[in-house]
Amino acid sequence: MPLGKRLRTAAILLLLLVALSTAGYRVLGGPSVSFLNALYMSVITVAGVGYGEIVNTAGNPALRVFNIFVVLFGVAVTVYVFSVVAAFLLEMESKNPFWRRGMQKRIDHLSGHSILCGLGDTGRHTVEEIHKAGGAYVVVDCSEENIKRWQELQPDLFGDLLYVVGDATEEEVLDRAGIRQAGGVIACLPHEKDNLVITVLARQRYPKLRVVARANDQKFADRLTRAGASATVSPSRIGGLRMASELMRPHAVNFLDMMLRERSHTLRVEQIEVGEKSAWAGMPLASADLRATFKLLPLALYIPGRASENQFVVDPAYDTPLQAGMIIVAMGDIQDFQRARVAAGSHHPGS
């Protein structure tokens, strides 16, 4: 019998026993026994708390025999009720313990966060970069043991991790991760077919959501793109490019490594979107004063609406007028980017 049905049965049996015993005490006890005294006698007898008799059974054999049956049935029903309630509480706690309910509330209050599906080697480095950039994120993984392992190995990074245990290819699991209010989804499960399912689910439900998917095979990358992935990333291809760069341009690679590995100074190449109601809209790039005010070095401008080959203007002139929707690609510290985004009226931190 399902636990919920057993719980309802136990409650009905308990109420029925109390009602019948109350009626019996009133009828057999005589007119001197009030309803309240009969009810009180029923409760203390069924509960077995050992109080003195409120309804005197001495000299009334019928009432005493009735009381014996109430005691026997009361013990049996009480033990059954307690066992069912204990089983119910244990099941609820194992499925959704108190600390996990608290974590789910924190996830429900997030907005514009990233959902990372799969905490493997690639996912771990992804979390590290999002964490350094100051972004909010939720990890989805089917193995809680895997999550706990990383929390033990890197408590500074994963100690306060927000996560959901479950299959990321299921809609209900993505809902628990807050996909409705998320800013993007990263599908980096080891099997490309699973990443394809995540991409399709996310794109069908939320057409404006940014979806980045892992794909080792170029053919599968094309399939992910057709399915709605905003971008695909091949760890093996990036690894090959990195090895070639280490050989041909080691100092440039060392500079990039310094940017990514330095903990005290989080130097990054980031982007700043000019918001629709931004004070920067209509003014030249020089007036934004990125160098002096925010210590940022502008590298390029992304201008939406142009032909794809002309959308990026590298090393833009300082008299270039800024418009709403433009994106400034610059280099600087994460904290300085956050200040600049506020001034630019960006929609979200990852703009």
Protein backbone atom coordinates (compact mmCIF):
# COMPACT_ATOMS: atom_id res chain seq x y z
CA MET A 1 0.00 0.00 0.00
CA PRO A 2 1.38 3.46 -0.86
CA LEU A 3 2.64 5.44 2.10
CA GLY A 4 0.16 8.26 1.59
CA LYS A 5 -2.76 5.84 1.65
CA ARG A 6 -1.38 4.16 4.77
CA LEU A 7 -1.14 7.55 6.46
CA ARG A 8 -4.77 8.33 5.66
CA THR A 9 -5.84 4.88 6.91
CA ALA A 10 -3.96 5.38 10.18
CA ALA A 11 -5.59 8.77 10.75
CA ILE A 12 -9.07 7.35 10.06
CA LEU A 13 -8.50 4.43 12.45
CA LEU A 14 -7.31 6.75 15.21
CA LEU A 15 -10.24 9.13 14.82
CA LEU A 16 -12.70 6.24 14.63
CA LEU A 17 -11.30 4.65 17.80
CA VAL A 18 -11.48 7.94 19.72
CA ALA A 19 -15.05 8.58 18.54
CA LEU A 20 -16.30 5.09 19.42
CA SER A 21 -14.59 5.05 22.81
CA THR A 22 -15.96 8.50 23.65
CA ALA A 23 -19.47 7.36 22.79
CA GLY A 24 -19.00 4.16 24.81
CA TYR A 25 -17.82 6.01 27.91
CA ARG A 26 -20.82 8.32 27.75
CA VAL A 27 -23.37 5.55 27.27
CA LEU A 28 -21.90 3.04 29.72
CA GLY A 29 -20.76 5.63 32.25
CA GLY A 30 -24.19 7.03 32.85
CA PRO A 31 -25.61 10.55 32.86
CA SER A 32 -22.88 11.83 35.19
CA VAL A 33 -20.24 11.48 32.46
CA SER A 34 -20.00 14.60 30.33
CA PHE A 35 -18.82 14.66 26.73
CA LEU A 36 -15.58 16.40 27.68
CA ASN A 37 -14.80 13.83 30.39
CA ALA A 38 -15.60 10.98 27.99
CA LEU A 39 -13.35 12.50 25.30
CA TYR A 40 -10.56 13.07 27.82
CA MET A 41 -10.88 9.48 29.07
CA SER A 42 -10.65 8.26 25.45
CA VAL A 43 -7.51 10.26 24.69
CA ILE A 44 -5.55 9.28 27.82
CA THR A 45 -6.58 5.61 27.44
CA VAL A 46 -5.67 5.39 23.75
CA ALA A 47 -2.43 7.30 24.32
CA GLY A 48 -1.56 5.17 27.36
CA VAL A 49 -0.26 8.14 29.36
CA GLY A 50 -1.26 6.55 32.67
CA TYR A 51 -3.43 9.31 34.20
CA GLY A 52 -6.11 8.40 36.74
CA GLU A 53 -9.54 7.38 35.50
CA ILE A 54 -11.79 10.35 34.79
CA VAL A 55 -14.70 7.97 34.20
CA ASN A 56 -14.84 5.59 37.17
CA THR A 57 -15.07 1.98 36.00
CA ALA A 58 -15.22 0.48 39.49
CA GLY A 59 -18.52 -1.28 40.14
CA ASN A 60 -19.43 -1.20 36.45
CA PRO A 61 -18.31 -4.51 34.86
CA ALA A 62 -19.59 -3.59 31.40
CA LEU A 63 -17.66 -0.32 31.41
CA ARG A 64 -14.51 -2.04 32.68
CA VAL A 65 -14.69 -4.70 29.92
CA PHE A 66 -15.24 -1.92 27.39
CA ASN A 67 -12.19 -0.10 28.78
CA ILE A 68 -10.07 -3.24 28.37
CA PHE A 69 -10.95 -3.38 24.67
CA VAL A 70 -10.24 0.33 24.29
CA VAL A 71 -6.79 -0.15 25.85
CA LEU A 72 -5.95 -3.13 23.62
CA PHE A 73 -7.16 -1.55 20.40
CA GLY A 74 -5.66 1.78 21.45
CA VAL A 75 -2.18 0.28 21.82
CA ALA A 76 -2.45 -1.47 18.45
CA VAL A 77 -3.74 1.60 16.60
CA THR A 78 -1.25 3.94 18.30
CA VAL A 79 1.71 1.74 17.37
CA TYR A 80 0.45 1.56 13.77
CA VAL A 81 -0.04 5.34 13.58
CA PHE A 82 3.41 6.07 14.98
CA SER A 83 5.08 3.61 12.59
CA VAL A 84 3.33 5.10 9.56
CA VAL A 85 4.11 8.68 10.63
CA ALA A 86 7.76 7.75 11.26
CA ALA A 87 8.00 6.11 7.83
CA PHE A 88 6.40 9.16 6.22
CA LEU A 89 8.84 11.56 7.92
CA LEU A 90 11.84 9.41 7.00
CA GLU A 91 10.77 9.28 3.36
CA MET A 92 10.18 13.02 3.22
CA GLU A 93 13.54 13.71 4.83
CA SER A 94 15.42 11.34 2.52
CA LYS A 95 13.82 12.81 -0.59
CA ASN A 96 13.88 16.44 0.45
CA PRO A 97 15.82 17.08 3.66
CA PHE A 98 15.64 20.39 5.46
CA TRP A 99 18.95 21.72 4.14
CA ARG A 100 17.96 20.81 0.58
CA ARG A 101 14.65 22.64 0.90
CA GLY A 102 16.60 25.68 2.06
CA MET A 103 18.91 25.39 -0.94
CA GLN A 104 15.90 25.08 -3.27
CA LYS A 105 14.52 28.33 -1.86
CA ARG A 106 17.83 30.03 -2.63
CA ILE A 107 17.69 28.70 -6.20
CA ASP A 108 14.11 29.91 -6.61
CA HIS A 109 15.23 33.45 -5.72
CA LEU A 110 17.98 33.54 -8.37
CA SER A 111 17.57 35.46 -11.60
CA GLY A 112 19.80 35.65 -14.67
CA HIS A 113 21.96 32.80 -13.36
CA SER A 114 23.71 30.08 -15.35
CA ILE A 115 22.65 26.43 -15.23
CA LEU A 116 25.56 24.03 -15.64
CA CYS A 117 24.52 20.51 -16.64
CA GLY A 118 27.23 18.00 -15.75
CA LEU A 119 29.97 18.40 -13.15
CA GLY A 120 32.72 16.50 -14.91
CA ASP A 121 36.23 17.78 -15.66
CA THR A 122 34.91 20.30 -18.17
CA GLY A 123 32.07 21.35 -15.88
CA ARG A 124 34.41 21.83 -12.94
CA HIS A 125 36.57 24.32 -14.84
CA THR A 126 33.43 26.05 -16.11
CA VAL A 127 32.20 26.52 -12.54
CA GLU A 128 35.58 27.90 -11.52
CA GLU A 129 35.51 30.56 -14.23
CA ILE A 130 31.90 31.60 -13.56
CA HIS A 131 32.74 31.78 -9.86
CA LYS A 132 35.76 34.02 -10.50
CA ALA A 133 33.66 36.25 -12.73
CA GLY A 134 31.18 36.75 -9.90
CA GLY A 135 28.27 35.11 -11.71
CA ALA A 136 25.46 33.14 -10.09
CA TYR A 137 25.09 29.51 -11.14
CA VAL A 138 23.35 26.22 -10.35
CA VAL A 139 24.91 22.83 -11.06
CA VAL A 140 22.79 19.89 -12.22
CA ASP A 141 24.32 16.43 -11.88
CA CYS A 142 22.82 12.96 -11.57
CA SER A 143 25.35 11.89 -8.92
CA GLU A 144 25.30 13.56 -5.52
CA GLU A 145 28.42 11.55 -4.63
CA ASN A 146 30.27 13.31 -7.45
CA ILE A 147 29.19 16.72 -6.13
CA LYS A 148 30.18 15.81 -2.57
CA ARG A 149 33.58 14.63 -3.83
CA TRP A 150 34.33 18.00 -5.41
CA GLN A 151 33.09 19.78 -2.30
CA GLU A 152 35.64 17.84 -0.25
CA LEU A 153 38.46 18.39 -2.75
CA GLN A 154 37.81 22.12 -3.31
CA PRO A 155 35.73 23.46 -0.40
CA ASP A 156 36.63 27.06 -1.25
CA LEU A 157 34.95 26.72 -4.65
CA PHE A 158 32.26 24.08 -4.14
CA GLY A 159 31.57 24.43 -0.41
CA ASP A 160 28.52 26.67 -0.87
CA LEU A 161 27.52 25.22 -4.22
CA LEU A 162 23.88 25.43 -5.29
CA TYR A 163 22.97 22.21 -7.04
CA VAL A 164 20.14 19.94 -8.13
CA VAL A 165 20.53 16.16 -8.19
CA GLY A 166 18.82 14.62 -11.21
CA ASP A 167 18.88 13.96 -14.93
CA ALA A 168 19.38 17.26 -16.76
CA THR A 169 17.53 15.90 -19.80
CA GLU A 170 14.26 15.96 -17.81
CA GLU A 171 12.16 19.12 -17.77
CA GLU A 172 11.28 18.81 -14.08
CA VAL A 173 14.97 18.82 -13.11
CA LEU A 174 15.66 21.93 -15.20
CA ASP A 175 12.65 23.60 -13.61
CA ARG A 176 14.10 22.92 -10.16
CA ALA A 177 17.34 24.53 -11.34
CA GLY A 178 15.38 27.70 -12.15
CA ILE A 179 15.49 27.62 -15.93
CA ARG A 180 12.45 29.90 -16.09
CA GLN A 181 14.45 32.84 -14.70
CA ALA A 182 17.93 31.71 -15.83
CA GLY A 183 20.19 33.70 -18.10
CA GLY A 184 21.74 30.72 -19.84
CA VAL A 185 22.30 26.97 -19.91
CA ILE A 186 25.60 25.14 -20.36
CA ALA A 187 25.17 21.55 -21.53
CA CYS A 188 28.46 19.75 -20.90
CA LEU A 189 27.41 16.17 -20.27
CA PRO A 190 29.82 13.51 -21.58
CA HIS A 191 27.30 12.14 -24.11
CA GLU A 192 26.49 14.50 -26.98
CA LYS A 193 22.99 13.09 -27.41
CA ASP A 194 22.15 14.20 -23.88
CA ASN A 195 23.45 17.69 -24.68
CA LEU A 196 21.23 17.68 -27.76
CA VAL A 197 18.17 16.85 -25.63
CA ILE A 198 18.99 19.66 -23.18
CA THR A 199 19.45 22.09 -26.06
CA VAL A 200 16.10 21.19 -27.62
CA LEU A 201 14.25 21.39 -24.28
CA ALA A 202 15.75 24.76 -23.39
CA ARG A 203 15.25 26.28 -26.84
CA GLN A 204 11.65 25.10 -27.25
CA ARG A 205 10.55 26.42 -23.87
CA TYR A 206 12.60 29.62 -23.79
CA PRO A 207 13.53 30.86 -27.28
CA LYS A 208 15.61 33.81 -25.97
CA LEU A 209 17.68 31.73 -23.55
CA ARG A 210 21.38 31.43 -24.40
CA VAL A 211 22.44 27.78 -24.70
CA VAL A 212 26.07 26.67 -24.93
CA ALA A 213 26.63 22.96 -25.64
CA ARG A 214 29.66 20.70 -25.58
CA ALA A 215 30.39 18.77 -28.78
CA ASN A 216 33.54 16.88 -29.67
CA ASP A 217 32.38 15.89 -33.15
CA GLN A 218 31.96 18.71 -35.70
CA LYS A 219 29.00 16.93 -37.30
CA PHE A 220 27.27 16.81 -33.95
CA ALA A 221 28.17 20.46 -33.36
CA ASP A 222 26.28 21.35 -36.54
CA ARG A 223 23.35 19.30 -35.33
CA LEU A 224 23.37 21.11 -31.97
CA THR A 225 23.43 24.45 -33.76
CA ARG A 226 20.44 23.47 -35.89
CA ALA A 227 18.66 22.32 -32.72
CA GLY A 228 19.02 25.80 -31.24
CA ALA A 229 22.39 25.98 -29.47
CA SER A 230 23.68 29.55 -29.33
CA ALA A 231 27.24 28.23 -29.44
CA THR A 232 29.07 24.90 -29.36
CA VAL A 233 32.44 24.19 -27.77
CA SER A 234 34.79 21.30 -28.52
CA PRO A 235 37.22 20.67 -25.62
CA SER A 236 39.44 18.54 -27.88
CA ARG A 237 39.61 21.26 -30.55
CA ILE A 238 40.40 23.95 -27.96
CA GLY A 239 43.08 21.67 -26.52
CA GLY A 240 44.65 21.29 -29.96
CA LEU A 241 44.65 25.04 -30.56
CA ARG A 242 46.22 25.58 -27.16
CA MET A 243 49.03 23.11 -27.88
CA ALA A 244 49.79 24.83 -31.18
CA SER A 245 49.77 28.23 -29.46
CA GLU A 246 52.16 26.98 -26.76
CA LEU A 247 54.58 26.09 -29.53
CA MET A 248 54.26 29.19 -31.73
CA ARG A 249 53.34 32.03 -29.33
CA PRO A 250 54.33 30.99 -25.80
CA HIS A 251 54.50 34.50 -24.34
CA ALA A 252 50.99 35.35 -25.52
CA VAL A 253 49.74 32.11 -24.00
CA ASN A 254 51.54 32.85 -20.73
CA PHE A 255 49.82 36.23 -20.61
CA LEU A 256 46.42 34.60 -21.08
CA ASP A 257 47.29 32.04 -18.41
CA MET A 258 48.12 34.85 -16.03
CA MET A 259 44.70 36.34 -16.66
CA LEU A 260 42.91 33.08 -15.91
CA ARG A 261 45.02 31.73 -13.07
CA GLU A 262 45.78 34.84 -11.05
CA ARG A 263 43.55 34.81 -7.95
CA SER A 264 44.30 38.20 -6.46
CA HIS A 265 43.72 40.12 -9.70
CA THR A 266 40.96 38.75 -11.96
CA LEU A 267 41.98 40.26 -15.30
CA ARG A 268 39.58 39.27 -18.06
CA VAL A 269 38.38 40.16 -21.55
CA GLU A 270 34.70 40.91 -20.95
CA GLN A 271 31.77 42.69 -22.59
CA ILE A 272 29.55 45.61 -21.65
CA GLU A 273 26.18 46.11 -23.30
CA VAL A 274 24.88 49.64 -23.77
CA GLY A 275 21.37 49.52 -22.34
CA GLU A 276 18.28 50.95 -24.02
CA LYS A 277 18.00 53.77 -21.46
CA SER A 278 21.72 54.15 -20.91
CA ALA A 279 23.28 57.57 -20.46
CA TRP A 280 26.01 56.37 -22.81
CA ALA A 281 23.62 56.04 -25.75
CA GLY A 282 24.27 58.86 -28.24
CA MET A 283 27.64 59.88 -26.82
CA PRO A 284 31.03 59.05 -28.36
CA LEU A 285 33.09 56.18 -26.95
CA ALA A 286 35.56 58.67 -25.48
CA SER A 287 32.83 60.15 -23.24
CA ALA A 288 32.33 56.77 -21.55
CA ASP A 289 35.87 57.30 -20.22
CA LEU A 290 36.57 53.60 -19.86
CA ARG A 291 40.30 54.04 -19.29
CA ALA A 292 40.30 56.76 -16.63
CA THR A 293 37.07 56.04 -14.79
CA PHE A 294 36.87 52.25 -14.95
CA LYS A 295 40.49 51.25 -15.78
CA LEU A 296 39.27 49.26 -18.78
CA LEU A 297 40.97 48.95 -22.15
CA PRO A 298 38.44 48.92 -25.05
CA LEU A 299 39.36 46.32 -27.67
CA ALA A 300 36.38 46.14 -30.02
CA LEU A 301 32.78 47.18 -30.61
CA TYR A 302 30.03 44.77 -31.57
CA ILE A 303 27.43 46.57 -33.68
CA PRO A 304 24.21 44.57 -34.14
CA GLY A 305 22.36 44.87 -37.40
CA ARG A 306 25.41 44.96 -39.63
CA ALA A 307 26.50 42.18 -41.94
CA SER A 308 28.11 39.37 -39.98
CA GLU A 309 31.61 40.10 -41.32
CA ASN A 310 31.40 43.77 -40.26
CA GLN A 311 29.70 43.45 -36.89
CA PHE A 312 32.96 43.75 -34.95
CA VAL A 313 35.01 46.94 -35.12
CA VAL A 314 38.47 46.20 -33.72
CA ASP A 315 40.32 49.03 -31.94
CA PRO A 316 37.38 51.43 -32.39
CA ALA A 317 37.99 55.15 -32.76
CA TYR A 318 37.16 57.15 -29.65
CA ASP A 319 34.78 59.39 -31.59
CA THR A 320 32.63 56.36 -32.52
CA PRO A 321 29.05 57.12 -31.32
CA LEU A 322 27.58 54.56 -28.94
CA GLN A 323 24.06 53.28 -29.47
CA ALA A 324 21.69 51.15 -27.43
CA GLY A 325 22.38 47.48 -28.06
CA MET A 326 26.05 47.94 -28.88
CA ILE A 327 28.50 45.79 -26.94
CA ILE A 328 31.91 47.02 -25.89
CA VAL A 329 34.57 44.32 -25.67
CA ALA A 330 37.28 45.41 -23.26
CA MET A 331 40.01 44.10 -20.98
CA GLY A 332 40.25 44.80 -17.27
CA ASP A 333 39.42 43.59 -13.79
CA ILE A 334 36.09 41.89 -13.05
CA GLN A 335 35.19 44.40 -10.36
CA ASP A 336 35.76 47.30 -12.75
CA PHE A 337 33.53 45.65 -15.35
CA GLN A 338 30.72 45.39 -12.80
CA ARG A 339 30.94 49.14 -12.12
CA ALA A 340 31.00 49.91 -15.84
CA ARG A 341 27.93 47.76 -16.49
CA VAL A 342 25.96 49.72 -13.92
CA ALA A 343 26.95 52.96 -15.64
CA ALA A 344 26.07 51.51 -19.07
CA GLY A 345 22.63 50.34 -17.93
CA SER A 346 23.32 46.73 -18.90
CA HIS A 347 20.41 44.32 -18.55
CA HIS A 348 22.30 41.70 -16.58
CA PRO A 349 25.83 41.12 -15.24
CA GLY A 350 26.78 38.78 -18.07
CA SER A 351 25.86 41.26 -20.81
